[in-house]
């Protein structure tokens, strides 16, 4: 049975939330090409390309590995962070150690992804030097670290 895990933070030098294997609530680091997710037991942080978002609370997948959770997303985080946060829906499915993640801005219907993330893999962010550990919604930042 496959269960969800964590969200990944992305960067040239990738963020990490620690090792482990997907089981139960999503907690841990997931990485991919220009995407990532870091999840803790109280929040999650997501990067797709030069954009970023945050979720408050734990992410839980259903028995089929699907999840959907609301949060905030900043599509203008880099190179100049305009500080505009959009309400967003983070949806995905976990199968083994693989997550397919999509972010939909609910106020504009803009869709980012889907992206494929691997549990325990460091995100490979390419040209975007932004990486943030999980932050509560409302504190999304995007300045280079």
N, C-alpha and C. Protein backbone atom coordinates (compact mmCIF):
# COMPACT_ATOMS: atom_id res chain seq x y z
N UNK A 1 0.83 -1.17 0.00
CA UNK A 1 0.00 0.00 0.00
C UNK A 1 0.88 1.24 0.00
N UNK A 2 0.59 2.17 -0.84
CA UNK A 2 1.39 3.37 -0.96
C UNK A 2 0.73 4.50 -0.19
N UNK A 3 1.53 5.22 0.57
CA UNK A 3 1.01 6.34 1.36
C UNK A 3 1.81 7.59 1.02
N UNK A 4 1.27 8.78 1.24
CA UNK A 4 1.92 10.04 0.91
C UNK A 4 3.05 10.39 1.87
N UNK A 5 3.88 11.30 1.40
CA UNK A 5 4.94 11.80 2.27
C UNK A 5 5.07 13.28 2.19
N UNK A 6 6.26 13.77 1.96
CA UNK A 6 6.50 15.17 2.13
C UNK A 6 6.60 16.00 0.88
N UNK A 7 6.75 17.30 1.09
CA UNK A 7 6.92 18.25 0.00
C UNK A 7 8.37 18.70 -0.03
N UNK A 8 8.84 19.09 -1.21
CA UNK A 8 10.24 19.41 -1.38
C UNK A 8 10.52 20.87 -1.62
N UNK A 9 11.59 21.36 -1.07
CA UNK A 9 12.05 22.71 -1.37
C UNK A 9 13.14 22.60 -2.40
N UNK A 10 13.18 23.52 -3.36
CA UNK A 10 14.12 23.44 -4.46
C UNK A 10 15.16 24.53 -4.39
N UNK A 11 16.35 24.20 -4.91
CA UNK A 11 17.39 25.20 -5.00
C UNK A 11 18.58 24.62 -5.72
N UNK A 12 19.52 25.50 -6.10
CA UNK A 12 20.76 25.03 -6.69
C UNK A 12 21.44 24.10 -5.69
N UNK A 13 21.49 24.54 -4.46
CA UNK A 13 21.89 23.67 -3.36
C UNK A 13 20.57 23.33 -2.68
N UNK A 14 20.10 22.13 -2.89
CA UNK A 14 18.73 21.78 -2.50
C UNK A 14 18.53 21.78 -0.99
N UNK A 15 17.30 22.11 -0.62
CA UNK A 15 16.89 22.03 0.78
C UNK A 15 16.63 20.57 1.11
N UNK A 16 16.73 20.21 2.37
CA UNK A 16 16.45 18.84 2.75
C UNK A 16 15.76 18.79 4.10
N UNK A 17 14.80 17.89 4.22
CA UNK A 17 14.09 17.73 5.49
C UNK A 17 14.40 16.40 6.15
N UNK A 18 15.33 15.65 5.57
CA UNK A 18 15.75 14.42 6.21
C UNK A 18 15.34 13.16 5.48
N UNK A 19 15.99 12.02 5.82
CA UNK A 19 15.74 10.75 5.15
C UNK A 19 14.50 10.04 5.68
N UNK A 20 14.18 8.93 5.06
CA UNK A 20 13.04 8.15 5.49
C UNK A 20 12.32 7.57 4.28
N UNK A 21 11.19 6.95 4.51
CA UNK A 21 10.43 6.38 3.41
C UNK A 21 8.98 6.79 3.54
N UNK A 22 8.30 6.96 2.42
CA UNK A 22 6.91 7.37 2.46
C UNK A 22 6.06 6.40 3.28
N UNK A 23 5.31 6.94 4.21
CA UNK A 23 4.39 6.12 5.02
C UNK A 23 3.49 7.05 5.79
N UNK A 24 2.17 6.89 5.67
CA UNK A 24 1.23 7.72 6.41
C UNK A 24 1.21 9.15 5.92
N UNK A 25 1.24 10.09 6.86
CA UNK A 25 1.22 11.50 6.51
C UNK A 25 2.47 11.86 5.70
N UNK A 26 2.34 12.87 4.86
CA UNK A 26 3.48 13.30 4.05
C UNK A 26 4.43 14.11 4.91
N UNK A 27 5.56 13.54 5.20
CA UNK A 27 6.61 14.22 5.95
C UNK A 27 7.93 13.81 5.34
N UNK A 28 8.67 14.78 4.83
CA UNK A 28 9.96 14.47 4.23
C UNK A 28 10.23 15.34 3.03
N UNK A 29 11.27 14.97 2.29
CA UNK A 29 11.72 15.73 1.13
C UNK A 29 11.47 14.94 -0.14
N UNK A 30 10.94 15.62 -1.15
CA UNK A 30 10.70 15.05 -2.47
C UNK A 30 11.38 15.96 -3.48
N UNK A 31 12.13 15.41 -4.42
CA UNK A 31 12.84 16.24 -5.39
C UNK A 31 12.65 15.78 -6.80
N UNK A 32 12.86 16.71 -7.72
CA UNK A 32 12.78 16.43 -9.14
C UNK A 32 13.54 17.49 -9.90
N UNK A 33 13.34 17.53 -11.21
CA UNK A 33 13.98 18.53 -12.05
C UNK A 33 13.18 19.83 -11.96
N UNK A 34 13.80 20.86 -11.41
CA UNK A 34 13.18 22.17 -11.23
C UNK A 34 11.91 22.11 -10.39
N UNK A 35 11.85 21.19 -9.46
CA UNK A 35 10.68 21.09 -8.57
C UNK A 35 11.07 20.37 -7.29
N UNK A 36 10.32 20.67 -6.24
CA UNK A 36 10.58 20.00 -4.98
C UNK A 36 9.52 20.32 -3.95
N UNK A 37 9.54 19.56 -2.88
CA UNK A 37 8.57 19.71 -1.81
C UNK A 37 9.20 19.26 -0.50
N UNK A 38 9.01 20.05 0.55
CA UNK A 38 9.44 19.69 1.89
C UNK A 38 8.20 19.72 2.76
N UNK A 39 7.94 18.64 3.48
CA UNK A 39 6.77 18.59 4.35
C UNK A 39 7.19 18.20 5.76
N UNK A 40 6.59 18.87 6.72
CA UNK A 40 6.78 18.53 8.13
C UNK A 40 5.42 18.11 8.68
N UNK A 41 5.35 17.87 9.97
CA UNK A 41 4.07 17.51 10.56
C UNK A 41 3.18 18.72 10.80
N UNK A 42 3.62 19.92 10.37
CA UNK A 42 2.80 21.11 10.56
C UNK A 42 2.73 22.04 9.36
N UNK A 43 3.51 21.76 8.30
CA UNK A 43 3.49 22.63 7.13
C UNK A 43 4.19 21.95 5.96
N UNK A 44 4.06 22.57 4.80
CA UNK A 44 4.75 22.07 3.62
C UNK A 44 5.17 23.26 2.76
N UNK A 45 6.26 23.08 2.04
CA UNK A 45 6.81 24.12 1.17
C UNK A 45 7.09 23.50 -0.19
N UNK A 46 6.69 24.20 -1.27
CA UNK A 46 6.77 23.66 -2.61
C UNK A 46 7.46 24.66 -3.54
N UNK A 47 8.28 24.14 -4.45
CA UNK A 47 8.86 24.94 -5.53
C UNK A 47 8.57 24.24 -6.85
N UNK A 48 8.17 25.01 -7.83
CA UNK A 48 8.14 24.54 -9.22
C UNK A 48 8.80 25.66 -10.01
N UNK A 49 9.96 25.35 -10.58
CA UNK A 49 10.72 26.39 -11.28
C UNK A 49 11.05 27.51 -10.32
N UNK A 50 10.90 28.75 -10.77
CA UNK A 50 11.22 29.92 -9.96
C UNK A 50 10.00 30.43 -9.21
N UNK A 51 9.11 29.53 -8.83
CA UNK A 51 7.91 29.88 -8.08
C UNK A 51 7.92 29.10 -6.77
N UNK A 52 7.09 29.53 -5.80
CA UNK A 52 7.08 28.82 -4.53
C UNK A 52 5.76 29.00 -3.81
N UNK A 53 5.47 28.05 -2.92
CA UNK A 53 4.23 28.13 -2.15
C UNK A 53 4.34 27.40 -0.83
N UNK A 54 3.34 27.62 0.01
CA UNK A 54 3.32 27.03 1.34
C UNK A 54 1.92 26.54 1.71
N UNK A 55 1.89 25.53 2.55
CA UNK A 55 0.67 24.95 3.08
C UNK A 55 0.82 24.90 4.60
N UNK A 56 -0.24 25.21 5.33
CA UNK A 56 -0.24 25.05 6.77
C UNK A 56 -0.95 23.75 7.10
N UNK A 57 -0.36 22.96 7.96
CA UNK A 57 -0.95 21.68 8.35
C UNK A 57 -0.30 20.52 7.63
N UNK A 58 -0.68 19.35 8.05
CA UNK A 58 -0.13 18.11 7.48
C UNK A 58 -0.82 17.78 6.17
N UNK A 59 -0.11 17.15 5.27
CA UNK A 59 -0.70 16.66 4.03
C UNK A 59 -0.93 15.16 4.20
N UNK A 60 -2.14 14.72 3.94
CA UNK A 60 -2.48 13.30 4.05
C UNK A 60 -3.05 12.83 2.73
N UNK A 61 -2.59 11.68 2.28
CA UNK A 61 -3.14 11.07 1.08
C UNK A 61 -4.20 10.05 1.47
N UNK A 62 -5.15 9.83 0.56
CA UNK A 62 -6.17 8.81 0.82
C UNK A 62 -5.59 7.43 0.53
N UNK A 63 -6.41 6.41 0.63
CA UNK A 63 -5.96 5.03 0.44
C UNK A 63 -5.38 4.79 -0.95
N UNK A 64 -5.82 5.58 -1.94
CA UNK A 64 -5.31 5.43 -3.30
C UNK A 64 -4.07 6.29 -3.55
N UNK A 65 -3.62 7.04 -2.54
CA UNK A 65 -2.43 7.87 -2.68
C UNK A 65 -2.71 9.28 -3.17
N UNK A 66 -3.98 9.68 -3.30
CA UNK A 66 -4.34 11.02 -3.76
C UNK A 66 -4.39 11.99 -2.59
N UNK A 67 -4.03 13.27 -2.88
CA UNK A 67 -4.20 14.31 -1.88
C UNK A 67 -4.58 15.61 -2.57
N UNK A 68 -5.23 16.48 -1.82
CA UNK A 68 -5.58 17.83 -2.26
C UNK A 68 -5.61 18.71 -1.03
N UNK A 69 -4.84 19.79 -1.06
CA UNK A 69 -4.75 20.67 0.10
C UNK A 69 -4.61 22.12 -0.39
N UNK A 70 -5.22 23.03 0.34
CA UNK A 70 -5.16 24.45 -0.01
C UNK A 70 -3.95 25.11 0.62
N UNK A 71 -3.46 26.16 -0.03
CA UNK A 71 -2.35 26.94 0.48
C UNK A 71 -2.23 28.24 -0.29
N UNK A 72 -1.05 28.84 -0.22
CA UNK A 72 -0.77 30.08 -0.94
C UNK A 72 0.41 29.86 -1.87
N UNK A 73 0.41 30.57 -3.01
CA UNK A 73 1.47 30.38 -3.99
C UNK A 73 1.91 31.71 -4.56
N UNK A 74 3.22 31.86 -4.79
CA UNK A 74 3.84 33.06 -5.33
C UNK A 74 4.47 32.71 -6.68
N UNK A 75 3.86 33.16 -7.77
CA UNK A 75 4.42 32.87 -9.10
C UNK A 75 5.41 33.93 -9.55
N UNK A 76 5.60 34.96 -8.74
CA UNK A 76 6.54 36.04 -9.07
C UNK A 76 7.65 36.12 -8.03
N UNK A 77 8.15 34.98 -7.61
CA UNK A 77 9.14 34.95 -6.53
C UNK A 77 10.56 35.30 -6.99
N UNK A 78 10.87 35.13 -8.26
CA UNK A 78 12.24 35.34 -8.74
C UNK A 78 12.19 35.77 -10.19
N UNK A 79 12.97 36.69 -10.64
CA UNK A 79 14.09 37.34 -9.95
C UNK A 79 13.68 38.51 -9.06
N UNK A 80 12.48 39.05 -9.27
CA UNK A 80 12.00 40.15 -8.42
C UNK A 80 10.72 39.69 -7.74
N UNK A 81 10.79 39.53 -6.43
CA UNK A 81 9.62 39.08 -5.67
C UNK A 81 8.66 40.25 -5.51
N UNK A 82 7.50 40.14 -6.16
CA UNK A 82 6.50 41.20 -6.07
C UNK A 82 5.59 41.00 -4.87
N UNK A 83 5.73 39.87 -4.17
CA UNK A 83 4.98 39.62 -2.95
C UNK A 83 3.51 39.32 -3.17
N UNK A 84 3.14 38.93 -4.37
CA UNK A 84 1.74 38.63 -4.67
C UNK A 84 1.48 37.16 -4.39
N UNK A 85 0.61 36.89 -3.42
CA UNK A 85 0.27 35.52 -3.05
C UNK A 85 -1.10 35.18 -3.60
N UNK A 86 -1.20 34.03 -4.21
CA UNK A 86 -2.45 33.55 -4.78
C UNK A 86 -2.95 32.36 -3.97
N UNK A 87 -4.26 32.28 -3.73
CA UNK A 87 -4.79 31.04 -3.15
C UNK A 87 -4.57 29.91 -4.15
N UNK A 88 -4.18 28.76 -3.64
CA UNK A 88 -3.83 27.66 -4.54
C UNK A 88 -4.32 26.33 -4.00
N UNK A 89 -4.51 25.39 -4.92
CA UNK A 89 -4.84 24.02 -4.57
C UNK A 89 -3.69 23.14 -5.02
N UNK A 90 -3.11 22.41 -4.08
CA UNK A 90 -2.01 21.49 -4.34
C UNK A 90 -2.60 20.09 -4.42
N UNK A 91 -2.50 19.46 -5.58
CA UNK A 91 -3.06 18.12 -5.75
C UNK A 91 -1.97 17.18 -6.22
N UNK A 92 -2.13 15.92 -5.86
CA UNK A 92 -1.14 14.96 -6.29
C UNK A 92 -1.53 13.54 -6.02
N UNK A 93 -0.66 12.66 -6.48
CA UNK A 93 -0.82 11.24 -6.22
C UNK A 93 0.55 10.65 -5.95
N UNK A 94 0.59 9.78 -4.96
CA UNK A 94 1.81 9.07 -4.57
C UNK A 94 1.67 7.63 -5.02
N UNK A 95 2.74 7.12 -5.63
CA UNK A 95 2.81 5.70 -5.99
C UNK A 95 4.22 5.25 -5.66
N UNK A 96 4.36 4.44 -4.63
CA UNK A 96 5.69 4.04 -4.17
C UNK A 96 6.43 5.25 -3.66
N UNK A 97 7.60 5.53 -4.24
CA UNK A 97 8.42 6.68 -3.85
C UNK A 97 8.30 7.81 -4.87
N UNK A 98 7.26 7.78 -5.70
CA UNK A 98 7.07 8.79 -6.74
C UNK A 98 5.79 9.58 -6.49
N UNK A 99 5.90 10.89 -6.60
CA UNK A 99 4.75 11.79 -6.45
C UNK A 99 4.59 12.57 -7.74
N UNK A 100 3.35 12.69 -8.21
CA UNK A 100 3.03 13.60 -9.31
C UNK A 100 2.24 14.73 -8.68
N UNK A 101 2.74 15.97 -8.80
CA UNK A 101 2.20 17.13 -8.13
C UNK A 101 1.78 18.19 -9.13
N UNK A 102 0.61 18.80 -8.88
CA UNK A 102 0.11 19.91 -9.69
C UNK A 102 -0.34 21.01 -8.74
N UNK A 103 -0.05 22.27 -9.11
CA UNK A 103 -0.50 23.42 -8.35
C UNK A 103 -1.44 24.22 -9.24
N UNK A 104 -2.63 24.51 -8.73
CA UNK A 104 -3.60 25.32 -9.47
C UNK A 104 -3.91 26.58 -8.67
N UNK A 105 -3.64 27.75 -9.26
CA UNK A 105 -4.00 29.00 -8.61
C UNK A 105 -5.51 29.15 -8.74
N UNK A 106 -6.20 29.20 -7.62
CA UNK A 106 -7.66 29.17 -7.67
C UNK A 106 -8.28 30.51 -8.05
N UNK A 107 -7.52 31.59 -7.98
CA UNK A 107 -8.07 32.89 -8.38
C UNK A 107 -7.87 33.19 -9.87
N UNK A 108 -6.91 32.53 -10.49
CA UNK A 108 -6.63 32.79 -11.91
C UNK A 108 -6.76 31.55 -12.78
N UNK A 109 -6.86 30.39 -12.19
CA UNK A 109 -6.89 29.07 -12.82
C UNK A 109 -5.57 28.71 -13.52
N UNK A 110 -4.51 29.46 -13.27
CA UNK A 110 -3.20 29.10 -13.81
C UNK A 110 -2.77 27.78 -13.18
N UNK A 111 -2.19 26.89 -14.00
CA UNK A 111 -1.76 25.58 -13.53
C UNK A 111 -0.26 25.44 -13.70
N UNK A 112 0.42 24.98 -12.66
CA UNK A 112 1.85 24.67 -12.71
C UNK A 112 1.99 23.17 -12.54
N UNK A 113 2.71 22.55 -13.44
CA UNK A 113 2.86 21.10 -13.40
C UNK A 113 1.92 20.46 -14.39
N UNK A 114 1.82 19.15 -14.31
CA UNK A 114 2.33 18.32 -13.22
C UNK A 114 3.85 18.14 -13.28
N UNK A 115 4.43 17.96 -12.11
CA UNK A 115 5.85 17.64 -11.97
C UNK A 115 5.96 16.31 -11.25
N UNK A 116 7.03 15.59 -11.54
CA UNK A 116 7.28 14.30 -10.90
C UNK A 116 8.38 14.48 -9.87
N UNK A 117 8.11 14.05 -8.65
CA UNK A 117 9.05 14.16 -7.54
C UNK A 117 9.33 12.77 -6.98
N UNK A 118 10.56 12.58 -6.54
CA UNK A 118 10.99 11.31 -5.96
C UNK A 118 11.32 11.52 -4.49
N UNK A 119 10.77 10.66 -3.64
CA UNK A 119 11.01 10.75 -2.21
C UNK A 119 12.49 10.56 -1.90
N UNK A 120 13.05 11.47 -1.09
CA UNK A 120 14.44 11.38 -0.67
C UNK A 120 15.42 11.94 -1.67
N UNK A 121 14.97 12.35 -2.85
CA UNK A 121 15.86 12.92 -3.87
C UNK A 121 15.99 14.42 -3.65
N UNK A 122 17.21 14.93 -3.78
CA UNK A 122 17.44 16.36 -3.67
C UNK A 122 16.89 17.04 -4.92
N UNK A 123 16.15 18.13 -4.76
CA UNK A 123 15.65 18.87 -5.91
C UNK A 123 16.80 19.42 -6.74
N UNK A 124 16.64 19.42 -8.04
CA UNK A 124 17.62 19.98 -8.97
C UNK A 124 17.00 21.22 -9.58
N UNK A 125 17.30 22.40 -9.01
CA UNK A 125 16.58 23.61 -9.34
C UNK A 125 17.09 24.37 -10.55
N UNK A 126 18.19 24.03 -11.13
CA UNK A 126 18.64 24.76 -12.30
C UNK A 126 19.00 26.20 -11.98
N UNK A 127 18.50 27.16 -12.77
CA UNK A 127 18.95 28.55 -12.64
C UNK A 127 18.30 29.35 -11.52
N UNK A 128 17.39 28.79 -10.76
CA UNK A 128 16.69 29.56 -9.72
C UNK A 128 17.33 29.33 -8.36
N UNK A 129 18.03 30.33 -7.84
CA UNK A 129 18.72 30.17 -6.56
C UNK A 129 17.83 30.44 -5.36
N UNK A 130 16.56 30.04 -5.43
CA UNK A 130 15.67 30.27 -4.29
C UNK A 130 15.36 28.94 -3.62
N UNK A 131 15.39 28.94 -2.33
CA UNK A 131 15.04 27.75 -1.56
C UNK A 131 14.65 28.22 -0.19
N UNK A 132 13.51 27.77 0.27
CA UNK A 132 13.03 28.17 1.57
C UNK A 132 12.55 26.95 2.32
N UNK A 133 12.80 26.92 3.60
CA UNK A 133 12.23 25.88 4.43
C UNK A 133 10.75 26.20 4.61
N UNK A 134 9.95 25.24 5.04
CA UNK A 134 8.52 25.51 5.17
C UNK A 134 8.22 26.76 5.99
N UNK A 135 7.32 27.59 5.47
CA UNK A 135 6.87 28.80 6.14
C UNK A 135 5.35 28.78 6.18
N UNK A 136 4.76 29.32 7.22
CA UNK A 136 3.31 29.39 7.24
C UNK A 136 2.81 30.31 6.13
N UNK A 137 1.63 30.02 5.53
CA UNK A 137 1.09 30.92 4.52
C UNK A 137 1.05 32.36 5.05
N UNK A 138 1.35 33.28 4.14
CA UNK A 138 1.41 34.68 4.52
C UNK A 138 2.83 35.14 4.71
N UNK A 139 3.76 34.17 4.82
CA UNK A 139 5.16 34.54 5.01
C UNK A 139 5.99 34.06 3.83
N UNK A 140 5.35 33.78 2.67
CA UNK A 140 6.07 33.32 1.49
C UNK A 140 7.03 34.40 1.05
N UNK A 141 8.25 33.99 0.89
CA UNK A 141 9.29 34.89 0.42
C UNK A 141 9.97 34.28 -0.78
N UNK A 142 10.67 35.07 -1.55
CA UNK A 142 11.32 34.50 -2.72
C UNK A 142 12.67 35.10 -3.02
N UNK A 143 13.23 35.89 -2.13
CA UNK A 143 14.54 36.46 -2.37
C UNK A 143 15.58 35.35 -2.34
N UNK A 144 16.64 35.48 -3.12
CA UNK A 144 17.68 34.45 -3.10
C UNK A 144 18.21 34.28 -1.68
N UNK A 145 18.59 33.09 -1.40
CA UNK A 145 19.07 32.74 -0.07
C UNK A 145 20.56 32.68 -0.04
